[in-house]
Full PDB file with SEQRES, HELIX, SHEET, SSBOND, CRYST1, ORIGX, SCALE, CONECT and MASTER records, all heavy atoms in Angstrom:
SEQRES   1 A   41  ALA MET ASN TYR LEU LEU GLY GLN LEU GLU ALA LEU GLY          
SEQRES   2 A   41  TYR LEU GLU ARG ARG ASN ASP ALA GLU ASP LEU ARG SER          
SEQRES   3 A   41  LYS ARG ILE TYR LEU THR ALA ARG GLY GLU ALA ALA ARG          
SEQRES   4 A   41  THR VAL                                                      
HELIX    1 AA1 MET A    2  ALA A   11  1                                  10    
HELIX    2 AA2 ALA A   33  THR A   40  1                                   8    
SHEET    1 AA1 2 LEU A  15  ASN A  19  0                                        
SHEET    2 AA1 2 LYS A  27  LEU A  31 -1                                        
CRYST1    1.000    1.000    1.000  90.00  90.00  90.00 P 1           1          
ORIGX1      1.000000  0.000000  0.000000        0.00000                         
ORIGX2      0.000000  1.000000  0.000000        0.00000                         
ORIGX3      0.000000  0.000000  1.000000        0.00000                         
SCALE1      1.000000  0.000000  0.000000        0.00000                         
SCALE2      0.000000  1.000000  0.000000        0.00000                         
SCALE3      0.000000  0.000000  1.000000        0.00000                         
ATOM      1  N   ALA A   1     139.520 151.227 181.903  1.00  0.00           N  
ATOM      2  CA  ALA A   1     140.585 151.749 181.045  1.00  0.00           C  
ATOM      3  C   ALA A   1     140.349 151.342 179.596  1.00  0.00           C  
ATOM      4  O   ALA A   1     140.532 152.149 178.677  1.00  0.00           O  
ATOM      5  CB  ALA A   1     141.948 151.268 181.532  1.00  0.00           C  
ATOM      6  N   MET A   2     139.936 150.094 179.392  1.00  0.00           N  
ATOM      7  CA  MET A   2     139.669 149.636 178.031  1.00  0.00           C  
ATOM      8  C   MET A   2     138.499 150.418 177.433  1.00  0.00           C  
ATOM      9  O   MET A   2     138.558 150.839 176.276  1.00  0.00           O  
ATOM     10  CB  MET A   2     139.372 148.136 178.016  1.00  0.00           C  
ATOM     11  CG  MET A   2     139.016 147.590 176.634  1.00  0.00           C  
ATOM     12  SD  MET A   2     140.248 147.915 175.331  1.00  0.00           S  
ATOM     13  CE  MET A   2     141.598 146.859 175.849  1.00  0.00           C  
ATOM     14  N   ASN A   3     137.445 150.614 178.196  1.00  0.00           N  
ATOM     15  CA  ASN A   3     136.297 151.359 177.681  1.00  0.00           C  
ATOM     16  C   ASN A   3     136.666 152.795 177.345  1.00  0.00           C  
ATOM     17  O   ASN A   3     136.127 153.370 176.396  1.00  0.00           O  
ATOM     18  CB  ASN A   3     135.125 151.292 178.652  1.00  0.00           C  
ATOM     19  CG  ASN A   3     134.299 150.044 178.440  1.00  0.00           C  
ATOM     20  OD1 ASN A   3     133.938 149.714 177.316  1.00  0.00           O  
ATOM     21  ND2 ASN A   3     134.016 149.325 179.507  1.00  0.00           N  
ATOM     22  N   TYR A   4     137.603 153.378 178.085  1.00  0.00           N  
ATOM     23  CA  TYR A   4     138.088 154.727 177.769  1.00  0.00           C  
ATOM     24  C   TYR A   4     138.761 154.724 176.393  1.00  0.00           C  
ATOM     25  O   TYR A   4     138.478 155.585 175.548  1.00  0.00           O  
ATOM     26  CB  TYR A   4     139.053 155.198 178.854  1.00  0.00           C  
ATOM     27  CG  TYR A   4     139.623 156.565 178.607  1.00  0.00           C  
ATOM     28  CD1 TYR A   4     138.861 157.706 178.852  1.00  0.00           C  
ATOM     29  CD2 TYR A   4     140.913 156.721 178.123  1.00  0.00           C  
ATOM     30  CE1 TYR A   4     139.383 158.972 178.605  1.00  0.00           C  
ATOM     31  CE2 TYR A   4     141.436 157.974 177.878  1.00  0.00           C  
ATOM     32  CZ  TYR A   4     140.665 159.099 178.128  1.00  0.00           C  
ATOM     33  OH  TYR A   4     141.188 160.347 177.885  1.00  0.00           O  
ATOM     34  N   LEU A   5     139.638 153.751 176.155  1.00  0.00           N  
ATOM     35  CA  LEU A   5     140.314 153.651 174.858  1.00  0.00           C  
ATOM     36  C   LEU A   5     139.317 153.376 173.738  1.00  0.00           C  
ATOM     37  O   LEU A   5     139.415 153.956 172.649  1.00  0.00           O  
ATOM     38  CB  LEU A   5     141.374 152.545 174.888  1.00  0.00           C  
ATOM     39  CG  LEU A   5     142.588 152.786 175.775  1.00  0.00           C  
ATOM     40  CD1 LEU A   5     143.476 151.542 175.802  1.00  0.00           C  
ATOM     41  CD2 LEU A   5     143.366 154.008 175.327  1.00  0.00           C  
ATOM     42  N   LEU A   6     138.364 152.493 173.995  1.00  0.00           N  
ATOM     43  CA  LEU A   6     137.344 152.187 172.988  1.00  0.00           C  
ATOM     44  C   LEU A   6     136.540 153.437 172.652  1.00  0.00           C  
ATOM     45  O   LEU A   6     136.234 153.690 171.474  1.00  0.00           O  
ATOM     46  CB  LEU A   6     136.423 151.066 173.472  1.00  0.00           C  
ATOM     47  CG  LEU A   6     137.062 149.685 173.600  1.00  0.00           C  
ATOM     48  CD1 LEU A   6     136.095 148.707 174.261  1.00  0.00           C  
ATOM     49  CD2 LEU A   6     137.544 149.171 172.266  1.00  0.00           C  
ATOM     50  N   GLY A   7     136.201 154.221 173.668  1.00  0.00           N  
ATOM     51  CA  GLY A   7     135.464 155.459 173.429  1.00  0.00           C  
ATOM     52  C   GLY A   7     136.252 156.426 172.562  1.00  0.00           C  
ATOM     53  O   GLY A   7     135.688 157.064 171.655  1.00  0.00           O  
ATOM     54  N   GLN A   8     137.552 156.535 172.834  1.00  0.00           N  
ATOM     55  CA  GLN A   8     138.401 157.405 172.013  1.00  0.00           C  
ATOM     56  C   GLN A   8     138.431 156.927 170.566  1.00  0.00           C  
ATOM     57  O   GLN A   8     138.225 157.712 169.635  1.00  0.00           O  
ATOM     58  CB  GLN A   8     139.828 157.441 172.562  1.00  0.00           C  
ATOM     59  CG  GLN A   8     139.991 158.227 173.820  1.00  0.00           C  
ATOM     60  CD  GLN A   8     141.441 158.247 174.281  1.00  0.00           C  
ATOM     61  OE1 GLN A   8     142.199 157.298 174.059  1.00  0.00           O  
ATOM     62  NE2 GLN A   8     141.834 159.339 174.918  1.00  0.00           N  
ATOM     63  N   LEU A   9     138.699 155.644 170.371  1.00  0.00           N  
ATOM     64  CA  LEU A   9     138.809 155.102 169.018  1.00  0.00           C  
ATOM     65  C   LEU A   9     137.472 155.145 168.273  1.00  0.00           C  
ATOM     66  O   LEU A   9     137.446 155.348 167.064  1.00  0.00           O  
ATOM     67  CB  LEU A   9     139.375 153.681 169.059  1.00  0.00           C  
ATOM     68  CG  LEU A   9     140.855 153.590 169.434  1.00  0.00           C  
ATOM     69  CD1 LEU A   9     141.267 152.155 169.714  1.00  0.00           C  
ATOM     70  CD2 LEU A   9     141.727 154.202 168.353  1.00  0.00           C  
ATOM     71  N   GLU A  10     136.386 154.987 169.011  1.00  0.00           N  
ATOM     72  CA  GLU A  10     135.069 155.092 168.388  1.00  0.00           C  
ATOM     73  C   GLU A  10     134.817 156.534 167.937  1.00  0.00           C  
ATOM     74  O   GLU A  10     134.373 156.771 166.807  1.00  0.00           O  
ATOM     75  CB  GLU A  10     133.989 154.640 169.364  1.00  0.00           C  
ATOM     76  CG  GLU A  10     132.599 154.577 168.761  1.00  0.00           C  
ATOM     77  CD  GLU A  10     131.590 153.997 169.720  1.00  0.00           C  
ATOM     78  OE1 GLU A  10     131.699 154.231 170.951  1.00  0.00           O  
ATOM     79  OE2 GLU A  10     130.674 153.304 169.242  1.00  0.00           O  
ATOM     80  N   ALA A  11     135.136 157.493 168.790  1.00  0.00           N  
ATOM     81  CA  ALA A  11     134.949 158.909 168.437  1.00  0.00           C  
ATOM     82  C   ALA A  11     135.828 159.307 167.249  1.00  0.00           C  
ATOM     83  O   ALA A  11     135.437 160.168 166.448  1.00  0.00           O  
ATOM     84  CB  ALA A  11     135.251 159.792 169.641  1.00  0.00           C  
ATOM     85  N   LEU A  12     136.986 158.673 167.118  1.00  0.00           N  
ATOM     86  CA  LEU A  12     137.901 158.975 166.011  1.00  0.00           C  
ATOM     87  C   LEU A  12     137.552 158.201 164.736  1.00  0.00           C  
ATOM     88  O   LEU A  12     138.183 158.396 163.700  1.00  0.00           O  
ATOM     89  CB  LEU A  12     139.346 158.655 166.428  1.00  0.00           C  
ATOM     90  CG  LEU A  12     139.902 159.532 167.559  1.00  0.00           C  
ATOM     91  CD1 LEU A  12     141.213 158.951 168.087  1.00  0.00           C  
ATOM     92  CD2 LEU A  12     140.091 160.965 167.078  1.00  0.00           C  
ATOM     93  N   GLY A  13     136.577 157.308 164.825  1.00  0.00           N  
ATOM     94  CA  GLY A  13     136.107 156.590 163.645  1.00  0.00           C  
ATOM     95  C   GLY A  13     136.833 155.308 163.319  1.00  0.00           C  
ATOM     96  O   GLY A  13     136.693 154.779 162.212  1.00  0.00           O  
ATOM     97  N   TYR A  14     137.578 154.745 164.278  1.00  0.00           N  
ATOM     98  CA  TYR A  14     138.330 153.520 164.028  1.00  0.00           C  
ATOM     99  C   TYR A  14     137.533 152.254 164.320  1.00  0.00           C  
ATOM    100  O   TYR A  14     137.858 151.190 163.814  1.00  0.00           O  
ATOM    101  CB  TYR A  14     139.616 153.489 164.856  1.00  0.00           C  
ATOM    102  CG  TYR A  14     140.645 154.483 164.385  1.00  0.00           C  
ATOM    103  CD1 TYR A  14     140.738 155.747 164.961  1.00  0.00           C  
ATOM    104  CD2 TYR A  14     141.513 154.170 163.350  1.00  0.00           C  
ATOM    105  CE1 TYR A  14     141.674 156.669 164.531  1.00  0.00           C  
ATOM    106  CE2 TYR A  14     142.457 155.078 162.909  1.00  0.00           C  
ATOM    107  CZ  TYR A  14     142.526 156.329 163.503  1.00  0.00           C  
ATOM    108  OH  TYR A  14     143.456 157.240 163.062  1.00  0.00           O  
ATOM    109  N   LEU A  15     136.540 152.361 165.164  1.00  0.00           N  
ATOM    110  CA  LEU A  15     135.768 151.182 165.522  1.00  0.00           C  
ATOM    111  C   LEU A  15     134.343 151.572 165.849  1.00  0.00           C  
ATOM    112  O   LEU A  15     134.016 152.752 165.998  1.00  0.00           O  
ATOM    113  CB  LEU A  15     136.417 150.427 166.688  1.00  0.00           C  
ATOM    114  CG  LEU A  15     136.609 151.163 168.017  1.00  0.00           C  
ATOM    115  CD1 LEU A  15     135.349 151.122 168.863  1.00  0.00           C  
ATOM    116  CD2 LEU A  15     137.769 150.547 168.770  1.00  0.00           C  
ATOM    117  N   GLU A  16     133.524 150.538 165.951  1.00  0.00           N  
ATOM    118  CA  GLU A  16     132.145 150.750 166.376  1.00  0.00           C  
ATOM    119  C   GLU A  16     131.760 149.653 167.347  1.00  0.00           C  
ATOM    120  O   GLU A  16     132.291 148.539 167.307  1.00  0.00           O  
ATOM    121  CB  GLU A  16     131.192 150.782 165.178  1.00  0.00           C  
ATOM    122  CG  GLU A  16     131.151 149.511 164.367  1.00  0.00           C  
ATOM    123  CD  GLU A  16     130.286 149.636 163.121  1.00  0.00           C  
ATOM    124  OE1 GLU A  16     129.797 150.739 162.829  1.00  0.00           O  
ATOM    125  OE2 GLU A  16     130.109 148.610 162.444  1.00  0.00           O  
ATOM    126  N   ARG A  17     130.850 150.001 168.235  1.00  0.00           N  
ATOM    127  CA  ARG A  17     130.300 149.039 169.184  1.00  0.00           C  
ATOM    128  C   ARG A  17     128.913 148.650 168.674  1.00  0.00           C  
ATOM    129  O   ARG A  17     128.103 149.513 168.385  1.00  0.00           O  
ATOM    130  CB  ARG A  17     130.189 149.644 170.569  1.00  0.00           C  
ATOM    131  CG  ARG A  17     131.499 150.114 171.144  1.00  0.00           C  
ATOM    132  CD  ARG A  17     131.274 150.730 172.501  1.00  0.00           C  
ATOM    133  NE  ARG A  17     132.157 151.861 172.700  1.00  0.00           N  
ATOM    134  CZ  ARG A  17     132.682 152.186 173.864  1.00  0.00           C  
ATOM    135  NH1 ARG A  17     132.409 151.500 174.931  1.00  0.00           N  
ATOM    136  NH2 ARG A  17     133.480 153.231 173.955  1.00  0.00           N  
ATOM    137  N   ARG A  18     128.702 147.349 168.576  1.00  0.00           N  
ATOM    138  CA  ARG A  18     127.408 146.846 168.122  1.00  0.00           C  
ATOM    139  C   ARG A  18     126.791 146.000 169.236  1.00  0.00           C  
ATOM    140  O   ARG A  18     127.508 145.378 170.020  1.00  0.00           O  
ATOM    141  CB  ARG A  18     127.563 145.970 166.878  1.00  0.00           C  
ATOM    142  CG  ARG A  18     128.130 146.695 165.686  1.00  0.00           C  
ATOM    143  CD  ARG A  18     128.220 145.738 164.512  1.00  0.00           C  
ATOM    144  NE  ARG A  18     129.101 146.259 163.478  1.00  0.00           N  
ATOM    145  CZ  ARG A  18     129.656 145.520 162.530  1.00  0.00           C  
ATOM    146  NH1 ARG A  18     129.424 144.213 162.484  1.00  0.00           N  
ATOM    147  NH2 ARG A  18     130.442 146.069 161.624  1.00  0.00           N  
ATOM    148  N   ASN A  19     125.471 145.967 169.262  1.00  0.00           N  
ATOM    149  CA  ASN A  19     124.779 145.128 170.229  1.00  0.00           C  
ATOM    150  C   ASN A  19     125.186 143.677 170.043  1.00  0.00           C  
ATOM    151  O   ASN A  19     125.359 143.207 168.916  1.00  0.00           O  
ATOM    152  CB  ASN A  19     123.262 145.269 170.091  1.00  0.00           C  
ATOM    153  CG  ASN A  19     122.777 146.616 170.564  1.00  0.00           C  
ATOM    154  OD1 ASN A  19     123.364 147.235 171.448  1.00  0.00           O  
ATOM    155  ND2 ASN A  19     121.688 147.076 169.988  1.00  0.00           N  
ATOM    156  N   ASP A  20     125.313 142.979 171.149  1.00  0.00           N  
ATOM    157  CA  ASP A  20     125.639 141.559 171.153  1.00  0.00           C  
ATOM    158  C   ASP A  20     124.338 140.781 171.007  1.00  0.00           C  
ATOM    159  O   ASP A  20     123.449 140.883 171.859  1.00  0.00           O  
ATOM    160  CB  ASP A  20     126.345 141.206 172.459  1.00  0.00           C  
ATOM    161  CG  ASP A  20     126.820 139.772 172.523  1.00  0.00           C  
ATOM    162  OD1 ASP A  20     126.323 138.934 171.749  1.00  0.00           O  
ATOM    163  OD2 ASP A  20     127.702 139.505 173.349  1.00  0.00           O  
ATOM    164  N   ALA A  21     124.203 140.032 169.937  1.00  0.00           N  
ATOM    165  CA  ALA A  21     122.977 139.269 169.692  1.00  0.00           C  
ATOM    166  C   ALA A  21     122.729 138.217 170.774  1.00  0.00           C  
ATOM    167  O   ALA A  21     121.582 137.856 171.045  1.00  0.00           O  
ATOM    168  CB  ALA A  21     123.039 138.606 168.315  1.00  0.00           C  
ATOM    169  N   GLU A  22     123.794 137.741 171.423  1.00  0.00           N  
ATOM    170  CA  GLU A  22     123.668 136.715 172.456  1.00  0.00           C  
ATOM    171  C   GLU A  22     123.322 137.300 173.819  1.00  0.00           C  
ATOM    172  O   GLU A  22     122.768 136.609 174.670  1.00  0.00           O  
ATOM    173  CB  GLU A  22     124.972 135.924 172.569  1.00  0.00           C  
ATOM    174  CG  GLU A  22     125.335 135.170 171.312  1.00  0.00           C  
ATOM    175  CD  GLU A  22     126.734 134.575 171.385  1.00  0.00           C  
ATOM    176  OE1 GLU A  22     127.308 134.507 172.488  1.00  0.00           O  
ATOM    177  OE2 GLU A  22     127.248 134.184 170.328  1.00  0.00           O  
ATOM    178  N   ASP A  23     123.691 138.563 174.043  1.00  0.00           N  
ATOM    179  CA  ASP A  23     123.471 139.216 175.338  1.00  0.00           C  
ATOM    180  C   ASP A  23     123.231 140.693 175.077  1.00  0.00           C  
ATOM    181  O   ASP A  23     124.175 141.455 174.872  1.00  0.00           O  
ATOM    182  CB  ASP A  23     124.694 139.010 176.235  1.00  0.00           C  
ATOM    183  CG  ASP A  23     124.528 139.640 177.610  1.00  0.00           C  
ATOM    184  OD1 ASP A  23     123.503 140.309 177.855  1.00  0.00           O  
ATOM    185  OD2 ASP A  23     125.440 139.464 178.438  1.00  0.00           O  
ATOM    186  N   LEU A  24     121.976 141.090 175.091  1.00  0.00           N  
ATOM    187  CA  LEU A  24     121.625 142.466 174.729  1.00  0.00           C  
ATOM    188  C   LEU A  24     122.170 143.507 175.701  1.00  0.00           C  
ATOM    189  O   LEU A  24     122.172 144.695 175.396  1.00  0.00           O  
ATOM    190  CB  LEU A  24     120.103 142.598 174.602  1.00  0.00           C  
ATOM    191  CG  LEU A  24     119.491 141.748 173.478  1.00  0.00           C  
ATOM    192  CD1 LEU A  24     117.984 141.915 173.429  1.00  0.00           C  
ATOM    193  CD2 LEU A  24     120.113 142.091 172.141  1.00  0.00           C  
ATOM    194  N   ARG A  25     122.671 143.080 176.858  1.00  0.00           N  
ATOM    195  CA  ARG A  25     123.285 144.018 177.797  1.00  0.00           C  
ATOM    196  C   ARG A  25     124.716 144.349 177.392  1.00  0.00           C  
ATOM    197  O   ARG A  25     125.307 145.282 177.902  1.00  0.00           O  
ATOM    198  CB  ARG A  25     123.307 143.430 179.212  1.00  0.00           C  
ATOM    199  CG  ARG A  25     121.931 143.123 179.778  1.00  0.00           C  
ATOM    200  CD  ARG A  25     122.062 142.288 181.029  1.00  0.00           C  
ATOM    201  NE  ARG A  25     122.689 141.004 180.671  1.00  0.00           N  
ATOM    202  CZ  ARG A  25     123.243 140.176 181.539  1.00  0.00           C  
ATOM    203  NH1 ARG A  25     123.270 140.463 182.818  1.00  0.00           N  
ATOM    204  NH2 ARG A  25     123.791 139.044 181.139  1.00  0.00           N  
ATOM    205  N   SER A  26     125.261 143.589 176.486  1.00  0.00           N  
ATOM    206  CA  SER A  26     126.667 143.715 176.121  1.00  0.00           C  
ATOM    207  C   SER A  26     126.836 144.229 174.696  1.00  0.00           C  
ATOM    208  O   SER A  26     125.918 144.195 173.897  1.00  0.00           O  
ATOM    209  CB  SER A  26     127.344 142.349 176.263  1.00  0.00           C  
ATOM    210  OG  SER A  26     128.731 142.456 176.112  1.00  0.00           O  
ATOM    211  N   LYS A  27     128.040 144.712 174.412  1.00  0.00           N  
ATOM    212  CA  LYS A  27     128.407 145.175 173.067  1.00  0.00           C  
ATOM    213  C   LYS A  27     129.555 144.334 172.557  1.00  0.00           C  
ATOM    214  O   LYS A  27     130.299 143.715 173.313  1.00  0.00           O  
ATOM    215  CB  LYS A  27     128.861 146.645 173.109  1.00  0.00           C  
ATOM    216  CG  LYS A  27     127.824 147.613 173.630  1.00  0.00           C  
ATOM    217  CD  LYS A  27     126.796 147.895 172.597  1.00  0.00           C  
ATOM    218  CE  LYS A  27     125.846 148.987 173.097  1.00  0.00           C  
ATOM    219  NZ  LYS A  27     124.741 149.195 172.204  1.00  0.00           N  
ATOM    220  N   ARG A  28     129.704 144.330 171.254  1.00  0.00           N  
ATOM    221  CA  ARG A  28     130.856 143.711 170.602  1.00  0.00           C  
ATOM    222  C   ARG A  28     131.536 144.783 169.769  1.00  0.00           C  
ATOM    223  O   ARG A  28     130.883 145.690 169.255  1.00  0.00           O  
ATOM    224  CB  ARG A  28     130.435 142.521 169.750  1.00  0.00           C  
ATOM    225  CG  ARG A  28     129.916 141.373 170.623  1.00  0.00           C  
ATOM    226  CD  ARG A  28     129.975 140.063 169.891  1.00  0.00           C  
ATOM    227  NE  ARG A  28     129.515 138.982 170.730  1.00  0.00           N  
ATOM    228  CZ  ARG A  28     130.328 138.115 171.330  1.00  0.00           C  
ATOM    229  NH1 ARG A  28     131.622 138.209 171.183  1.00  0.00           N  
ATOM    230  NH2 ARG A  28     129.836 137.135 172.066  1.00  0.00           N  
ATOM    231  N   ILE A  29     132.845 144.661 169.624  1.00  0.00           N  
ATOM    232  CA  ILE A  29     133.661 145.684 168.984  1.00  0.00           C  
ATOM    233  C   ILE A  29     134.063 145.231 167.587  1.00  0.00           C  
ATOM    234  O   ILE A  29     134.532 144.103 167.399  1.00  0.00           O  
ATOM    235  CB  ILE A  29     134.934 145.977 169.814  1.00  0.00           C  
ATOM    236  CG1 ILE A  29     134.585 146.240 171.281  1.00  0.00           C  
ATOM    237  CG2 ILE A  29     135.731 147.108 169.203  1.00  0.00           C  
ATOM    238  CD1 ILE A  29     133.616 147.369 171.505  1.00  0.00           C  
ATOM    239  N   TYR A  30     133.928 146.150 166.613  1.00  0.00           N  
ATOM    240  CA  TYR A  30     134.304 145.886 165.220  1.00  0.00           C  
ATOM    241  C   TYR A  30     135.051 147.093 164.665  1.00  0.00           C  
ATOM    242  O   TYR A  30     134.689 148.240 164.949  1.00  0.00           O  
ATOM    243  CB  TYR A  30     133.058 145.627 164.365  1.00  0.00           C  
ATOM    244  CG  TYR A  30     132.308 144.400 164.786  1.00  0.00           C  
ATOM    245  CD1 TYR A  30     131.291 144.482 165.731  1.00  0.00           C  
ATOM    246  CD2 TYR A  30     132.625 143.154 164.251  1.00  0.00           C  
ATOM    247  CE1 TYR A  30     130.604 143.340 166.132  1.00  0.00           C  
ATOM    248  CE2 TYR A  30     131.943 142.010 164.653  1.00  0.00           C  
ATOM    249  CZ  TYR A  30     130.928 142.117 165.601  1.00  0.00           C  
ATOM    250  OH  TYR A  30     130.265 140.993 165.996  1.00  0.00           O  
ATOM    251  N   LEU A  31     136.073 146.825 163.865  1.00  0.00           N  
ATOM    252  CA  LEU A  31     136.781 147.904 163.187  1.00  0.00           C  
ATOM    253  C   LEU A  31     135.921 148.462 162.059  1.00  0.00           C  
ATOM    254  O   LEU A  31     135.216 147.722 161.381  1.00  0.00           O  
ATOM    255  CB  LEU A  31     138.112 147.404 162.618  1.00  0.00           C  
ATOM    256  CG  LEU A  31     139.187 146.995 163.617  1.00  0.00           C  
ATOM    257  CD1 LEU A  31     140.417 146.487 162.876  1.00  0.00           C  
ATOM    258  CD2 LEU A  31     139.555 148.134 164.549  1.00  0.00           C  
ATOM    259  N   THR A  32     136.021 149.758 161.857  1.00  0.00           N  
ATOM    260  CA  THR A  32     135.390 150.418 160.716  1.00  0.00           C  
ATOM    261  C   THR A  32     136.365 150.360 159.540  1.00  0.00           C  
ATOM    262  O   THR A  32     137.479 149.833 159.666  1.00  0.00           O  
ATOM    263  CB  THR A  32     135.089 151.886 161.039  1.00  0.00           C  
ATOM    264  OG1 THR A  32     136.346 152.534 161.299  1.00  0.00           O  
ATOM    265  CG2 THR A  32     134.157 152.030 162.239  1.00  0.00           C  
ATOM    266  N   ALA A  33     135.983 150.940 158.421  1.00  0.00           N  
ATOM    267  CA  ALA A  33     136.894 151.007 157.271  1.00  0.00           C  
ATOM    268  C   ALA A  33     138.169 151.747 157.650  1.00  0.00           C  
ATOM    269  O   ALA A  33     139.271 151.366 157.246  1.00  0.00           O  
ATOM    270  CB  ALA A  33     136.194 151.678 156.089  1.00  0.00           C  
ATOM    271  N   ARG A  34     138.025 152.814 158.444  1.00  0.00           N  
ATOM    272  CA  ARG A  34     139.215 153.559 158.906  1.00  0.00           C  
ATOM    273  C   ARG A  34     140.092 152.669 159.790  1.00  0.00           C  
ATOM    274  O   ARG A  34     141.318 152.686 159.679  1.00  0.00           O  
ATOM    275  CB  ARG A  34     138.786 154.814 159.649  1.00  0.00           C  
ATOM    276  CG  ARG A  34     139.925 155.680 160.149  1.00  0.00           C  
ATOM    277  CD  ARG A  34     139.365 157.002 160.713  1.00  0.00           C  
ATOM    278  NE  ARG A  34     140.372 157.809 161.367  1.00  0.00           N  
ATOM    279  CZ  ARG A  34     141.258 158.578 160.750  1.00  0.00           C  
ATOM    280  NH1 ARG A  34     141.252 158.649 159.436  1.00  0.00           N  
ATOM    281  NH2 ARG A  34     142.132 159.290 161.443  1.00  0.00           N  
ATOM    282  N   GLY A  35     139.476 151.885 160.651  1.00  0.00           N  
ATOM    283  CA  GLY A  35     140.231 150.962 161.496  1.00  0.00           C  
ATOM    284  C   GLY A  35     140.936 149.893 160.689  1.00  0.00           C  
ATOM    285  O   GLY A  35     142.083 149.528 160.976  1.00  0.00           O  
ATOM    286  N   GLU A  36     140.268 149.382 159.664  1.00  0.00           N  
ATOM    287  CA  GLU A  36     140.891 148.388 158.787  1.00  0.00           C  
ATOM    288  C   GLU A  36     142.075 148.992 158.038  1.00  0.00           C  
ATOM    289  O   GLU A  36     143.105 148.337 157.859  1.00  0.00           O  
ATOM    290  CB  GLU A  36     139.871 147.826 157.792  1.00  0.00           C  
ATOM    291  CG  GLU A  36     138.816 146.944 158.419  1.00  0.00           C  
ATOM    292  CD  GLU A  36     139.341 145.599 158.903  1.00  0.00           C  
ATOM    293  OE1 GLU A  36     140.491 145.236 158.588  1.00  0.00           O  
ATOM    294  OE2 GLU A  36     138.586 144.909 159.602  1.00  0.00           O  
ATOM    295  N   ALA A  37     141.934 150.252 157.612  1.00  0.00           N  
ATOM    296  CA  ALA A  37     143.041 150.926 156.921  1.00  0.00           C  
ATOM    297  C   ALA A  37     144.231 151.085 157.864  1.00  0.00           C  
ATOM    298  O   ALA A  37     145.385 150.880 157.459  1.00  0.00           O  
ATOM    299  CB  ALA A  37     142.578 152.276 156.382  1.00  0.00           C  
ATOM    300  N   ALA A  38     143.961 151.420 159.118  1.00  0.00           N  
ATOM    301  CA  ALA A  38     145.047 151.536 160.098  1.00  0.00           C  
ATOM    302  C   ALA A  38     145.695 150.179 160.328  1.00  0.00           C  
ATOM    303  O   ALA A  38     146.928 150.077 160.407  1.00  0.00           O  
ATOM    304  CB  ALA A  38     144.516 152.110 161.407  1.00  0.00           C  
ATOM    305  N   ARG A  39     144.885 149.126 160.413  1.00  0.00           N  
ATOM    306  CA  ARG A  39     145.442 147.783 160.604  1.00  0.00           C  
ATOM    307  C   ARG A  39     146.347 147.410 159.434  1.00  0.00           C  
ATOM    308  O   ARG A  39     147.405 146.795 159.625  1.00  0.00           O  
ATOM    309  CB  ARG A  39     144.331 146.746 160.770  1.00  0.00           C  
ATOM    310  CG  ARG A  39     144.907 145.355 160.882  1.00  0.00           C  
ATOM    311  CD  ARG A  39     144.018 144.256 161.326  1.00  0.00           C  
ATOM    312  NE  ARG A  39     142.654 144.247 160.898  1.00  0.00           N  
ATOM    313  CZ  ARG A  39     141.729 143.500 161.497  1.00  0.00           C  
ATOM    314  NH1 ARG A  39     142.045 142.751 162.531  1.00  0.00           N  
ATOM    315  NH2 ARG A  39     140.493 143.504 161.056  1.00  0.00           N  
ATOM    316  N   THR A  40     145.975 147.775 158.220  1.00  0.00           N  
ATOM    317  CA  THR A  40     146.798 147.503 157.043  1.00  0.00           C  
ATOM    318  C   THR A  40     148.154 148.188 157.167  1.00  0.00           C  
ATOM    319  O   THR A  40     149.198 147.584 156.883  1.00  0.00           O  
ATOM    320  CB  THR A  40     146.068 147.954 155.764  1.00  0.00           C  
ATOM    321  OG1 THR A  40     144.857 147.196 155.648  1.00  0.00           O  
ATOM    322  CG2 THR A  40     146.914 147.746 154.526  1.00  0.00           C  
ATOM    323  N   VAL A  41     148.158 149.440 157.611  1.00  0.00           N  
ATOM    324  CA  VAL A  41     149.413 150.179 157.810  1.00  0.00           C  
ATOM    325  C   VAL A  41     150.239 149.518 158.906  1.00  0.00           C  
ATOM    326  O   VAL A  41     151.464 149.354 158.768  1.00  0.00           O  
ATOM    327  CB  VAL A  41     149.141 151.656 158.128  1.00  0.00           C  
ATOM    328  CG1 VAL A  41     150.411 152.375 158.579  1.00  0.00           C  
ATOM    329  CG2 VAL A  41     148.515 152.359 156.934  1.00  0.00           C  
TER     330      VAL A  41                                                      
MASTER        0    0    0    2    2    0    0    6  329    1    0    4          
END                                                                             
């Protein structure tokens, strides 16, 4: 369910998934500029 929401928000430009430097099998989630703007609101 979380990955579904992450996929939606990523497609809408609110976040991005980046490779995890500690575990290349995993991703880490970061807000984009659009996500930061939404957080401000």
